[in-house]
Amino acid sequence: MLLAEQAFRTHDTPGARGALLSTQSQPFAARLDEHRGPVNTVAFAPGDKLLATGSSDGTVILRSMSGHRTVAVLPVRGPVRSISFSPTATPSRRRRRAVPSSSGTSPAAA
C-alpha cells in the first residue's frame, strides 16, 4: 500500500490511482499487532511456513503461517531495519546461526 501511495503522490496517473485503490479492496487475513512500534521489514521463510517481522521497537517476531500464532519474540538492540531467511535448508560447511541485527547485516558466523 505504501508503494502505491508513493507512486500516486509522485505521478497522479490512472495506473497509479488504480494501484492505490486496489490496495483498499484486499481484505486482511490477519492483523500483525504484537509490535509496539512500526513494522519496518517482513520476510517469509522458504516453504512459506513462517513469517518474520522486524520493528522499530527492537523485536523480531516469528509467526506460524498456519494458525497465525506467534512462535517466538526475539529482542535486539535498536530498531530492526532488515531481516531475511536463508534461501536453502541445506547445511553449509561452516555452521551459521541467525542473529537478529539492527544494522541489517547477514547472520553472524558461529
PDB file of N, CA and C in Angstrom:
ATOM      1  N   MET A   1       0.805  -1.180   0.000  1.00  0.00           N
ATOM      2  CA  MET A   1       0.000   0.000   0.000  1.00  0.00           C
ATOM      3  C   MET A   1       0.857   1.256   0.000  1.00  0.00           C
ATOM      4  N   LEU A   2       1.953   1.248   0.777  1.00  0.00           N
ATOM      5  CA  LEU A   2       2.808   2.431   0.833  1.00  0.00           C
ATOM      6  C   LEU A   2       3.443   2.729  -0.515  1.00  0.00           C
ATOM      7  N   LEU A   3       3.830   1.682  -1.238  1.00  0.00           N
ATOM      8  CA  LEU A   3       4.410   1.880  -2.566  1.00  0.00           C
ATOM      9  C   LEU A   3       3.386   2.481  -3.520  1.00  0.00           C
ATOM     10  N   ALA A   4       2.166   1.992  -3.485  1.00  0.00           N
ATOM     11  CA  ALA A   4       1.109   2.528  -4.342  1.00  0.00           C
ATOM     12  C   ALA A   4       0.810   3.983  -3.979  1.00  0.00           C
ATOM     13  N   GLU A   5       0.825   4.288  -2.701  1.00  0.00           N
ATOM     14  CA  GLU A   5       0.578   5.665  -2.265  1.00  0.00           C
ATOM     15  C   GLU A   5       1.674   6.603  -2.754  1.00  0.00           C
ATOM     16  N   GLN A   6       2.933   6.158  -2.633  1.00  0.00           N
ATOM     17  CA  GLN A   6       4.044   6.992  -3.100  1.00  0.00           C
ATOM     18  C   GLN A   6       3.992   7.184  -4.608  1.00  0.00           C
ATOM     19  N   ALA A   7       3.640   6.143  -5.339  1.00  0.00           N
ATOM     20  CA  ALA A   7       3.520   6.261  -6.799  1.00  0.00           C
ATOM     21  C   ALA A   7       2.440   7.272  -7.166  1.00  0.00           C
ATOM     22  N   PHE A   8       1.321   7.242  -6.460  1.00  0.00           N
ATOM     23  CA  PHE A   8       0.234   8.171  -6.717  1.00  0.00           C
ATOM     24  C   PHE A   8       0.656   9.609  -6.401  1.00  0.00           C
ATOM     25  N   ARG A   9       1.380   9.789  -5.300  1.00  0.00           N
ATOM     26  CA  ARG A   9       1.833  11.135  -4.935  1.00  0.00           C
ATOM     27  C   ARG A   9       2.877  11.663  -5.906  1.00  0.00           C
ATOM     28  N   THR A  10       3.696  10.776  -6.441  1.00  0.00           N
ATOM     29  CA  THR A  10       4.736  11.186  -7.378  1.00  0.00           C
ATOM     30  C   THR A  10       4.157  11.529  -8.739  1.00  0.00           C
ATOM     31  N   HIS A  11       3.312  10.652  -9.256  1.00  0.00           N
ATOM     32  CA  HIS A  11       2.693  10.847 -10.576  1.00  0.00           C
ATOM     33  C   HIS A  11       1.226  10.440 -10.503  1.00  0.00           C
ATOM     34  N   ASP A  12       0.335  11.404 -10.533  1.00  0.00           N
ATOM     35  CA  ASP A  12      -1.107  11.137 -10.466  1.00  0.00           C
ATOM     36  C   ASP A  12      -1.586  10.667 -11.837  1.00  0.00           C
ATOM     37  N   THR A  13      -1.345   9.384 -12.119  1.00  0.00           N
ATOM     38  CA  THR A  13      -1.762   8.788 -13.385  1.00  0.00           C
ATOM     39  C   THR A  13      -2.909   7.815 -13.110  1.00  0.00           C
ATOM     40  N   PRO A  14      -3.654   7.441 -14.144  1.00  0.00           N
ATOM     41  CA  PRO A  14      -4.719   6.442 -13.930  1.00  0.00           C
ATOM     42  C   PRO A  14      -4.175   5.127 -13.368  1.00  0.00           C
ATOM     43  N   GLY A  15      -2.982   4.708 -13.812  1.00  0.00           N
ATOM     44  CA  GLY A  15      -2.396   3.463 -13.302  1.00  0.00           C
ATOM     45  C   GLY A  15      -2.050   3.553 -11.832  1.00  0.00           C
ATOM     46  N   ALA A  16      -1.455   4.678 -11.417  1.00  0.00           N
ATOM     47  CA  ALA A  16      -1.101   4.874 -10.008  1.00  0.00           C
ATOM     48  C   ALA A  16      -2.358   4.963  -9.147  1.00  0.00           C
ATOM     49  N   ARG A  17      -3.371   5.643  -9.647  1.00  0.00           N
ATOM     50  CA  ARG A  17      -4.629   5.767  -8.924  1.00  0.00           C
ATOM     51  C   ARG A  17      -5.291   4.390  -8.765  1.00  0.00           C
ATOM     52  N   GLY A  18      -5.277   3.589  -9.829  1.00  0.00           N
ATOM     53  CA  GLY A  18      -5.851   2.243  -9.770  1.00  0.00           C
ATOM     54  C   GLY A  18      -5.114   1.351  -8.796  1.00  0.00           C
ATOM     55  N   ALA A  19      -3.777   1.454  -8.768  1.00  0.00           N
ATOM     56  CA  ALA A  19      -2.978   0.651  -7.831  1.00  0.00           C
ATOM     57  C   ALA A  19      -3.304   1.027  -6.391  1.00  0.00           C
ATOM     58  N   LEU A  20      -3.448   2.320  -6.143  1.00  0.00           N
ATOM     59  CA  LEU A  20      -3.775   2.774  -4.798  1.00  0.00           C
ATOM     60  C   LEU A  20      -5.163   2.287  -4.377  1.00  0.00           C
ATOM     61  N   LEU A  21      -6.126   2.411  -5.248  1.00  0.00           N
ATOM     62  CA  LEU A  21      -7.487   1.971  -4.921  1.00  0.00           C
ATOM     63  C   LEU A  21      -7.572   0.456  -4.743  1.00  0.00           C
ATOM     64  N   SER A  22      -6.782  -0.304  -5.509  1.00  0.00           N
ATOM     65  CA  SER A  22      -6.840  -1.764  -5.400  1.00  0.00           C
ATOM     66  C   SER A  22      -6.289  -2.251  -4.061  1.00  0.00           C
ATOM     67  N   THR A  23      -5.408  -1.482  -3.430  1.00  0.00           N
ATOM     68  CA  THR A  23      -4.913  -1.897  -2.115  1.00  0.00           C
ATOM     69  C   THR A  23      -6.008  -1.856  -1.072  1.00  0.00           C
ATOM     70  N   GLN A  24      -7.014  -1.033  -1.273  1.00  0.00           N
ATOM     71  CA  GLN A  24      -8.099  -0.903  -0.305  1.00  0.00           C
ATOM     72  C   GLN A  24      -9.167  -1.983  -0.465  1.00  0.00           C
ATOM     73  N   SER A  25      -9.144  -2.692  -1.583  1.00  0.00           N
ATOM     74  CA  SER A  25     -10.162  -3.713  -1.821  1.00  0.00           C
ATOM     75  C   SER A  25      -9.732  -5.094  -1.331  1.00  0.00           C
ATOM     76  N   GLN A  26      -8.497  -5.221  -0.827  1.00  0.00           N
ATOM     77  CA  GLN A  26      -7.994  -6.512  -0.370  1.00  0.00           C
ATOM     78  C   GLN A  26      -8.307  -6.698   1.110  1.00  0.00           C
ATOM     79  N   PRO A  27      -9.034  -7.754   1.467  1.00  0.00           N
ATOM     80  CA  PRO A  27      -9.295  -7.986   2.888  1.00  0.00           C
ATOM     81  C   PRO A  27      -8.026  -8.476   3.590  1.00  0.00           C
ATOM     82  N   PHE A  28      -7.865  -8.135   4.851  1.00  0.00           N
ATOM     83  CA  PHE A  28      -6.723  -8.592   5.629  1.00  0.00           C
ATOM     84  C   PHE A  28      -6.981  -9.999   6.126  1.00  0.00           C
ATOM     85  N   ALA A  29      -5.981 -10.877   5.997  1.00  0.00           N
ATOM     86  CA  ALA A  29      -6.103 -12.243   6.514  1.00  0.00           C
ATOM     87  C   ALA A  29      -5.833 -12.266   8.007  1.00  0.00           C
ATOM     88  N   ALA A  30      -4.941 -11.387   8.463  1.00  0.00           N
ATOM     89  CA  ALA A  30      -4.609 -11.325   9.891  1.00  0.00           C
ATOM     90  C   ALA A  30      -3.997  -9.964  10.180  1.00  0.00           C
ATOM     91  N   ARG A  31      -4.109  -9.533  11.388  1.00  0.00           N
ATOM     92  CA  ARG A  31      -3.523  -8.257  11.805  1.00  0.00           C
ATOM     93  C   ARG A  31      -2.254  -8.554  12.595  1.00  0.00           C
ATOM     94  N   LEU A  32      -1.180  -7.874  12.263  1.00  0.00           N
ATOM     95  CA  LEU A  32       0.098  -8.064  12.935  1.00  0.00           C
ATOM     96  C   LEU A  32       0.266  -6.951  13.964  1.00  0.00           C
ATOM     97  N   ASP A  33      -0.298  -7.147  15.138  1.00  0.00           N
ATOM     98  CA  ASP A  33      -0.315  -6.054  16.107  1.00  0.00           C
ATOM     99  C   ASP A  33       0.476  -6.325  17.385  1.00  0.00           C
ATOM    100  N   GLU A  34       1.390  -7.285  17.370  1.00  0.00           N
ATOM    101  CA  GLU A  34       2.170  -7.577  18.571  1.00  0.00           C
ATOM    102  C   GLU A  34       3.287  -6.562  18.807  1.00  0.00           C
ATOM    103  N   HIS A  35       3.761  -5.889  17.768  1.00  0.00           N
ATOM    104  CA  HIS A  35       4.840  -4.922  17.929  1.00  0.00           C
ATOM    105  C   HIS A  35       4.335  -3.654  18.602  1.00  0.00           C
ATOM    106  N   ARG A  36       5.224  -2.994  19.352  1.00  0.00           N
ATOM    107  CA  ARG A  36       4.881  -1.722  19.986  1.00  0.00           C
ATOM    108  C   ARG A  36       5.298  -0.531  19.126  1.00  0.00           C
ATOM    109  N   GLY A  37       5.980  -0.779  18.032  1.00  0.00           N
ATOM    110  CA  GLY A  37       6.409   0.282  17.128  1.00  0.00           C
ATOM    111  C   GLY A  37       6.096  -0.100  15.697  1.00  0.00           C
ATOM    112  N   PRO A  38       6.444   0.763  14.738  1.00  0.00           N
ATOM    113  CA  PRO A  38       6.167   0.465  13.340  1.00  0.00           C
ATOM    114  C   PRO A  38       6.941  -0.757  12.848  1.00  0.00           C
ATOM    115  N   VAL A  39       6.316  -1.553  11.995  1.00  0.00           N
ATOM    116  CA  VAL A  39       6.978  -2.697  11.365  1.00  0.00           C
ATOM    117  C   VAL A  39       7.752  -2.171  10.163  1.00  0.00           C
ATOM    118  N   ASN A  40       9.063  -2.423  10.152  1.00  0.00           N
ATOM    119  CA  ASN A  40       9.941  -1.927   9.094  1.00  0.00           C
ATOM    120  C   ASN A  40      10.240  -2.949   8.015  1.00  0.00           C
ATOM    121  N   THR A  41      10.152  -4.235   8.349  1.00  0.00           N
ATOM    122  CA  THR A  41      10.560  -5.267   7.405  1.00  0.00           C
ATOM    123  C   THR A  41       9.819  -6.572   7.691  1.00  0.00           C
ATOM    124  N   VAL A  42       9.569  -7.335   6.643  1.00  0.00           N
ATOM    125  CA  VAL A  42       8.959  -8.663   6.767  1.00  0.00           C
ATOM    126  C   VAL A  42       9.713  -9.634   5.873  1.00  0.00           C
ATOM    127  N   ALA A  43       9.696 -10.903   6.231  1.00  0.00           N
ATOM    128  CA  ALA A  43      10.320 -11.938   5.410  1.00  0.00           C
ATOM    129  C   ALA A  43       9.560 -13.242   5.599  1.00  0.00           C
ATOM    130  N   PHE A  44       9.392 -13.976   4.501  1.00  0.00           N
ATOM    131  CA  PHE A  44       8.789 -15.302   4.542  1.00  0.00           C
ATOM    132  C   PHE A  44       9.894 -16.346   4.490  1.00  0.00           C
ATOM    133  N   ALA A  45       9.783 -17.365   5.328  1.00  0.00           N
ATOM    134  CA  ALA A  45      10.746 -18.462   5.314  1.00  0.00           C
ATOM    135  C   ALA A  45      10.515 -19.316   4.079  1.00  0.00           C
ATOM    136  N   PRO A  46      11.572 -19.992   3.584  1.00  0.00           N
ATOM    137  CA  PRO A  46      11.372 -20.926   2.476  1.00  0.00           C
ATOM    138  C   PRO A  46      10.294 -21.938   2.847  1.00  0.00           C
ATOM    139  N   GLY A  47       9.393 -22.188   1.943  1.00  0.00           N
ATOM    140  CA  GLY A  47       8.272 -23.073   2.205  1.00  0.00           C
ATOM    141  C   GLY A  47       7.069 -22.339   2.746  1.00  0.00           C
ATOM    142  N   ASP A  48       7.208 -21.051   2.997  1.00  0.00           N
ATOM    143  CA  ASP A  48       6.107 -20.196   3.458  1.00  0.00           C
ATOM    144  C   ASP A  48       5.418 -20.710   4.722  1.00  0.00           C
ATOM    145  N   LYS A  49       6.197 -21.288   5.647  1.00  0.00           N
ATOM    146  CA  LYS A  49       5.595 -21.759   6.891  1.00  0.00           C
ATOM    147  C   LYS A  49       5.753 -20.755   8.024  1.00  0.00           C
ATOM    148  N   LEU A  50       6.734 -19.854   7.914  1.00  0.00           N
ATOM    149  CA  LEU A  50       6.968 -18.848   8.935  1.00  0.00           C
ATOM    150  C   LEU A  50       7.024 -17.457   8.314  1.00  0.00           C
ATOM    151  N   LEU A  51       6.586 -16.489   9.082  1.00  0.00           N
ATOM    152  CA  LEU A  51       6.700 -15.085   8.712  1.00  0.00           C
ATOM    153  C   LEU A  51       7.476 -14.404   9.819  1.00  0.00           C
ATOM    154  N   ALA A  52       8.477 -13.621   9.463  1.00  0.00           N
ATOM    155  CA  ALA A  52       9.231 -12.831  10.435  1.00  0.00           C
ATOM    156  C   ALA A  52       8.947 -11.360  10.179  1.00  0.00           C
ATOM    157  N   THR A  53       8.721 -10.605  11.253  1.00  0.00           N
ATOM    158  CA  THR A  53       8.544  -9.171  11.142  1.00  0.00           C
ATOM    159  C   THR A  53       9.537  -8.494  12.065  1.00  0.00           C
ATOM    160  N   GLY A  54      10.131  -7.395  11.591  1.00  0.00           N
ATOM    161  CA  GLY A  54      11.069  -6.628  12.389  1.00  0.00           C
ATOM    162  C   GLY A  54      10.548  -5.221  12.590  1.00  0.00           C
ATOM    163  N   SER A  55      10.747  -4.684  13.781  1.00  0.00           N
ATOM    164  CA  SER A  55      10.113  -3.422  14.144  1.00  0.00           C
ATOM    165  C   SER A  55      11.090  -2.424  14.741  1.00  0.00           C
ATOM    166  N   SER A  56      10.657  -1.177  14.756  1.00  0.00           N
ATOM    167  CA  SER A  56      11.409  -0.118  15.416  1.00  0.00           C
ATOM    168  C   SER A  56      11.448  -0.309  16.924  1.00  0.00           C
ATOM    169  N   ASP A  57      10.587  -1.174  17.460  1.00  0.00           N
ATOM    170  CA  ASP A  57      10.581  -1.405  18.905  1.00  0.00           C
ATOM    171  C   ASP A  57      11.701  -2.339  19.356  1.00  0.00           C
ATOM    172  N   GLY A  58      12.536  -2.800  18.407  1.00  0.00           N
ATOM    173  CA  GLY A  58      13.670  -3.649  18.759  1.00  0.00           C
ATOM    174  C   GLY A  58      13.328  -5.106  18.920  1.00  0.00           C
ATOM    175  N   THR A  59      12.317  -5.585  18.205  1.00  0.00           N
ATOM    176  CA  THR A  59      11.973  -7.006  18.262  1.00  0.00           C
ATOM    177  C   THR A  59      11.792  -7.580  16.866  1.00  0.00           C
ATOM    178  N   VAL A  60      12.086  -8.874  16.764  1.00  0.00           N
ATOM    179  CA  VAL A  60      11.742  -9.679  15.594  1.00  0.00           C
ATOM    180  C   VAL A  60      10.736 -10.702  16.098  1.00  0.00           C
ATOM    181  N   ILE A  61       9.597 -10.786  15.424  1.00  0.00           N
ATOM    182  CA  ILE A  61       8.570 -11.742  15.823  1.00  0.00           C
ATOM    183  C   ILE A  61       8.413 -12.772  14.716  1.00  0.00           C
ATOM    184  N   LEU A  62       8.507 -14.051  15.089  1.00  0.00           N
ATOM    185  CA  LEU A  62       8.283 -15.161  14.166  1.00  0.00           C
ATOM    186  C   LEU A  62       6.872 -15.666  14.367  1.00  0.00           C
ATOM    187  N   ARG A  63       6.157 -15.832  13.254  1.00  0.00           N
ATOM    188  CA  ARG A  63       4.764 -16.291  13.310  1.00  0.00           C
ATOM    189  C   ARG A  63       4.569 -17.488  12.402  1.00  0.00           C
ATOM    190  N   SER A  64       3.737 -18.399  12.853  1.00  0.00           N
ATOM    191  CA  SER A  64       3.343 -19.534  12.035  1.00  0.00           C
ATOM    192  C   SER A  64       2.315 -19.053  11.022  1.00  0.00           C
ATOM    193  N   MET A  65       2.490 -19.409   9.763  1.00  0.00           N
ATOM    194  CA  MET A  65       1.529 -19.007   8.742  1.00  0.00           C
ATOM    195  C   MET A  65       0.235 -19.803   8.867  1.00  0.00           C
ATOM    196  N   SER A  66       0.312 -21.014   9.405  1.00  0.00           N
ATOM    197  CA  SER A  66      -0.913 -21.772   9.645  1.00  0.00           C
ATOM    198  C   SER A  66      -1.352 -21.478  11.074  1.00  0.00           C
ATOM    199  N   GLY A  67      -2.457 -20.837  11.236  1.00  0.00           N
ATOM    200  CA  GLY A  67      -2.958 -20.500  12.557  1.00  0.00           C
ATOM    201  C   GLY A  67      -2.606 -19.094  13.010  1.00  0.00           C
ATOM    202  N   HIS A  68      -1.682 -18.438  12.321  1.00  0.00           N
ATOM    203  CA  HIS A  68      -1.307 -17.057  12.626  1.00  0.00           C
ATOM    204  C   HIS A  68      -0.932 -16.855  14.096  1.00  0.00           C
ATOM    205  N   ARG A  69      -0.191 -17.806  14.666  1.00  0.00           N
ATOM    206  CA  ARG A  69       0.196 -17.660  16.062  1.00  0.00           C
ATOM    207  C   ARG A  69       1.672 -17.278  16.171  1.00  0.00           C
ATOM    208  N   THR A  70       2.023 -16.582  17.242  1.00  0.00           N
ATOM    209  CA  THR A  70       3.402 -16.178  17.485  1.00  0.00           C
ATOM    210  C   THR A  70       4.211 -17.386  17.932  1.00  0.00           C
ATOM    211  N   VAL A  71       5.334 -17.627  17.265  1.00  0.00           N
ATOM    212  CA  VAL A  71       6.222 -18.736  17.587  1.00  0.00           C
ATOM    213  C   VAL A  71       7.338 -18.272  18.516  1.00  0.00           C
ATOM    214  N   ALA A  72       7.892 -17.084  18.261  1.00  0.00           N
ATOM    215  CA  ALA A  72       8.989 -16.560  19.077  1.00  0.00           C
ATOM    216  C   ALA A  72       9.048 -15.045  18.958  1.00  0.00           C
ATOM    217  N   VAL A  73       9.514 -14.422  20.029  1.00  0.00           N
ATOM    218  CA  VAL A  73       9.798 -12.987  20.032  1.00  0.00           C
ATOM    219  C   VAL A  73      11.274 -12.844  20.366  1.00  0.00           C
ATOM    220  N   LEU A  74      12.032 -12.249  19.443  1.00  0.00           N
ATOM    221  CA  LEU A  74      13.481 -12.121  19.597  1.00  0.00           C
ATOM    222  C   LEU A  74      13.840 -10.654  19.817  1.00  0.00           C
ATOM    223  N   PRO A  75      14.321 -10.296  21.008  1.00  0.00           N
ATOM    224  CA  PRO A  75      14.703  -8.910  21.251  1.00  0.00           C
ATOM    225  C   PRO A  75      16.083  -8.612  20.655  1.00  0.00           C
ATOM    226  N   VAL A  76      16.256  -7.423  20.125  1.00  0.00           N
ATOM    227  CA  VAL A  76      17.543  -6.953  19.613  1.00  0.00           C
ATOM    228  C   VAL A  76      17.773  -5.538  20.139  1.00  0.00           C
ATOM    229  N   ARG A  77      19.004  -5.075  19.996  1.00  0.00           N
ATOM    230  CA  ARG A  77      19.316  -3.709  20.418  1.00  0.00           C
ATOM    231  C   ARG A  77      19.030  -2.762  19.272  1.00  0.00           C
ATOM    232  N   GLY A  78      18.110  -1.872  19.451  1.00  0.00           N
ATOM    233  CA  GLY A  78      17.808  -0.878  18.435  1.00  0.00           C
ATOM    234  C   GLY A  78      16.754  -1.345  17.458  1.00  0.00           C
ATOM    235  N   PRO A  79      16.362  -0.447  16.554  1.00  0.00           N
ATOM    236  CA  PRO A  79      15.327  -0.787  15.569  1.00  0.00           C
ATOM    237  C   PRO A  79      15.811  -1.814  14.560  1.00  0.00           C
ATOM    238  N   VAL A  80      14.911  -2.675  14.118  1.00  0.00           N
ATOM    239  CA  VAL A  80      15.235  -3.692  13.112  1.00  0.00           C
ATOM    240  C   VAL A  80      14.888  -3.116  11.746  1.00  0.00           C
ATOM    241  N   ARG A  81      15.878  -3.029  10.874  1.00  0.00           N
ATOM    242  CA  ARG A  81      15.684  -2.436   9.555  1.00  0.00           C
ATOM    243  C   ARG A  81      15.563  -3.480   8.447  1.00  0.00           C
ATOM    244  N   SER A  82      16.147  -4.667   8.664  1.00  0.00           N
ATOM    245  CA  SER A  82      16.150  -5.684   7.613  1.00  0.00           C
ATOM    246  C   SER A  82      16.257  -7.066   8.240  1.00  0.00           C
ATOM    247  N   ILE A  83      15.489  -8.018   7.719  1.00  0.00           N
ATOM    248  CA  ILE A  83      15.585  -9.411   8.151  1.00  0.00           C
ATOM    249  C   ILE A  83      15.480 -10.304   6.922  1.00  0.00           C
ATOM    250  N   SER A  84      16.015 -11.512   7.029  1.00  0.00           N
ATOM    251  CA  SER A  84      15.902 -12.465   5.930  1.00  0.00           C
ATOM    252  C   SER A  84      16.098 -13.872   6.469  1.00  0.00           C
ATOM    253  N   PHE A  85      15.649 -14.835   5.697  1.00  0.00           N
ATOM    254  CA  PHE A  85      15.866 -16.242   5.990  1.00  0.00           C
ATOM    255  C   PHE A  85      16.885 -16.766   4.998  1.00  0.00           C
ATOM    256  N   SER A  86      17.575 -17.817   5.371  1.00  0.00           N
ATOM    257  CA  SER A  86      18.475 -18.487   4.440  1.00  0.00           C
ATOM    258  C   SER A  86      17.644 -19.061   3.302  1.00  0.00           C
ATOM    259  N   PRO A  87      18.090 -18.911   2.049  1.00  0.00           N
ATOM    260  CA  PRO A  87      17.285 -19.398   0.928  1.00  0.00           C
ATOM    261  C   PRO A  87      17.217 -20.918   0.827  1.00  0.00           C
ATOM    262  N   THR A  88      18.122 -21.629   1.475  1.00  0.00           N
ATOM    263  CA  THR A  88      18.087 -23.094   1.426  1.00  0.00           C
ATOM    264  C   THR A  88      18.122 -23.662   2.829  1.00  0.00           C
ATOM    265  N   ALA A  89      17.658 -24.860   2.951  1.00  0.00           N
ATOM    266  CA  ALA A  89      17.684 -25.533   4.251  1.00  0.00           C
ATOM    267  C   ALA A  89      18.851 -26.510   4.336  1.00  0.00           C
ATOM    268  N   THR A  90      19.721 -26.518   3.338  1.00  0.00           N
ATOM    269  CA  THR A  90      20.844 -27.451   3.345  1.00  0.00           C
ATOM    270  C   THR A  90      21.965 -26.917   4.226  1.00  0.00           C
ATOM    271  N   PRO A  91      22.628 -27.790   4.977  1.00  0.00           N
ATOM    272  CA  PRO A  91      23.712 -27.328   5.836  1.00  0.00           C
ATOM    273  C   PRO A  91      24.912 -26.876   5.003  1.00  0.00           C
ATOM    274  N   SER A  92      25.615 -25.876   5.497  1.00  0.00           N
ATOM    275  CA  SER A  92      26.831 -25.422   4.818  1.00  0.00           C
ATOM    276  C   SER A  92      28.036 -26.001   5.540  1.00  0.00           C
ATOM    277  N   ARG A  93      29.226 -25.783   4.995  1.00  0.00           N
ATOM    278  CA  ARG A  93      30.438 -26.295   5.624  1.00  0.00           C
ATOM    279  C   ARG A  93      30.664 -25.619   6.968  1.00  0.00           C
ATOM    280  N   ARG A  94      30.382 -24.350   7.034  1.00  0.00           N
ATOM    281  CA  ARG A  94      30.505 -23.611   8.273  1.00  0.00           C
ATOM    282  C   ARG A  94      29.119 -23.434   8.860  1.00  0.00           C
ATOM    283  N   ARG A  95      28.939 -23.837  10.105  1.00  0.00           N
ATOM    284  CA  ARG A  95      27.622 -23.662  10.723  1.00  0.00           C
ATOM    285  C   ARG A  95      27.371 -22.185  10.934  1.00  0.00           C
ATOM    286  N   ARG A  96      26.175 -21.775  10.641  1.00  0.00           N
ATOM    287  CA  ARG A  96      25.799 -20.378  10.829  1.00  0.00           C
ATOM    288  C   ARG A  96      24.552 -20.339  11.692  1.00  0.00           C
ATOM    289  N   ARG A  97      24.426 -19.311  12.466  1.00  0.00           N
ATOM    290  CA  ARG A  97      23.226 -19.134  13.269  1.00  0.00           C
ATOM    291  C   ARG A  97      22.635 -17.774  12.953  1.00  0.00           C
ATOM    292  N   ALA A  98      21.328 -17.707  12.968  1.00  0.00           N
ATOM    293  CA  ALA A  98      20.658 -16.440  12.690  1.00  0.00           C
ATOM    294  C   ALA A  98      20.769 -15.546  13.911  1.00  0.00           C
ATOM    295  N   VAL A  99      21.231 -14.348  13.706  1.00  0.00           N
ATOM    296  CA  VAL A  99      21.337 -13.369  14.770  1.00  0.00           C
ATOM    297  C   VAL A  99      20.617 -12.122  14.326  1.00  0.00           C
ATOM    298  N   PRO A 100      19.498 -11.783  14.925  1.00  0.00           N
ATOM    299  CA  PRO A 100      18.815 -10.551  14.534  1.00  0.00           C
ATOM    300  C   PRO A 100      19.755  -9.373  14.732  1.00  0.00           C
ATOM    301  N   SER A 101      19.758  -8.488  13.786  1.00  0.00           N
ATOM    302  CA  SER A 101      20.659  -7.353  13.844  1.00  0.00           C
ATOM    303  C   SER A 101      19.925  -6.079  13.506  1.00  0.00           C
ATOM    304  N   SER A 102      20.189  -5.047  14.259  1.00  0.00           N
ATOM    305  CA  SER A 102      19.557  -3.769  13.965  1.00  0.00           C
ATOM    306  C   SER A 102      20.261  -3.064  12.813  1.00  0.00           C
ATOM    307  N   SER A 103      21.433  -3.549  12.410  1.00  0.00           N
ATOM    308  CA  SER A 103      22.156  -2.906  11.320  1.00  0.00           C
ATOM    309  C   SER A 103      21.790  -3.478   9.963  1.00  0.00           C
ATOM    310  N   GLY A 104      21.039  -4.574   9.933  1.00  0.00           N
ATOM    311  CA  GLY A 104      20.626  -5.163   8.667  1.00  0.00           C
ATOM    312  C   GLY A 104      21.687  -6.057   8.053  1.00  0.00           C
ATOM    313  N   THR A 105      22.701  -6.470   8.841  1.00  0.00           N
ATOM    314  CA  THR A 105      23.741  -7.330   8.310  1.00  0.00           C
ATOM    315  C   THR A 105      23.267  -8.759   8.278  1.00  0.00           C
ATOM    316  N   SER A 106      24.012  -9.609   7.600  1.00  0.00           N
ATOM    317  CA  SER A 106      23.644 -11.016   7.474  1.00  0.00           C
ATOM    318  C   SER A 106      23.954 -11.754   8.759  1.00  0.00           C
ATOM    319  N   PRO A 107      23.503 -13.005   8.877  1.00  0.00           N
ATOM    320  CA  PRO A 107      23.732 -13.784  10.097  1.00  0.00           C
ATOM    321  C   PRO A 107      25.207 -13.884  10.424  1.00  0.00           C
ATOM    322  N   ALA A 108      25.520 -13.921  11.696  1.00  0.00           N
ATOM    323  CA  ALA A 108      26.902 -14.000  12.142  1.00  0.00           C
ATOM    324  C   ALA A 108      27.386 -15.437  12.101  1.00  0.00           C
ATOM    325  N   ALA A 109      28.660 -15.601  11.831  1.00  0.00           N
ATOM    326  CA  ALA A 109      29.234 -16.949  11.799  1.00  0.00           C
ATOM    327  C   ALA A 109      29.333 -17.468  13.222  1.00  0.00           C
ATOM    328  N   ALA A 110      29.042 -18.738  13.386  1.00  0.00           N
ATOM    329  CA  ALA A 110      29.089 -19.331  14.714  1.00  0.00           C
ATOM    330  C   ALA A 110      30.468 -19.843  15.019  1.00  0.00           C
TER     331      ALA A 110
END
